[in-house]
């Protein structure tokens, strides 16, 4: 019998999460919690939206599960909602598509999504609440810190460091040994050949910081 989990969020990213969850075939969705309490009682992809964050304790008791997964992609709120549910005694689970190729000695945290076609080679460390989207590569000896979001088709060469709460948009390449700091956004198609400082928005080939990420 599969374990029950609760998804947090009912937007476009939740559809992606559901696809990977169903392919993984390890968990059943008990219900959905959404930050918009006005959605309570609606259905999303056939699953009931039970309520908002304030209903979490009631929902935990009703469905007899404390397992959860963050199913929205909004970088402004992923960290705070993840931390909120952990503090409330909920346990994050990992959702990993069976067609992802993952080295046996990869270290992977909790609440991680690794989608179809991803390649995780030897000896990376991937933190908590990280998203690795379709077809991305996390290569040897990488460090991907908590709450990072790696979009589709990203390539992280060896020895790369991606710090917490950073977004790498579609098709970004980070070259050997480079670091992208905390709270950064690296635009689609950029090639990172030099370190990027904390709180930067960077674009281009090669990538350059164009302004501060004030959000």
Foldseek 3Di string as FASTA:
>chain_A
DAAEEEEEDQDPQLVQLVVLQVQQVRYDYQAYEYQPQVQQQPDHPRGGHHGYPVCLVVVCVVRVALEYAYRDDPLVPLVVVVVVSVVVVHFAAERERPQEAADPQEAAEGREYHHHQEYEEPDEYAYHNEYAEHNEYDYHHEYHYESEYEYPQEYEDYQEYEYHSEYEYANEYEDYNEYEAANEYEDHNEYDPHHHYHQFYWYDDPIDGDDGNPD
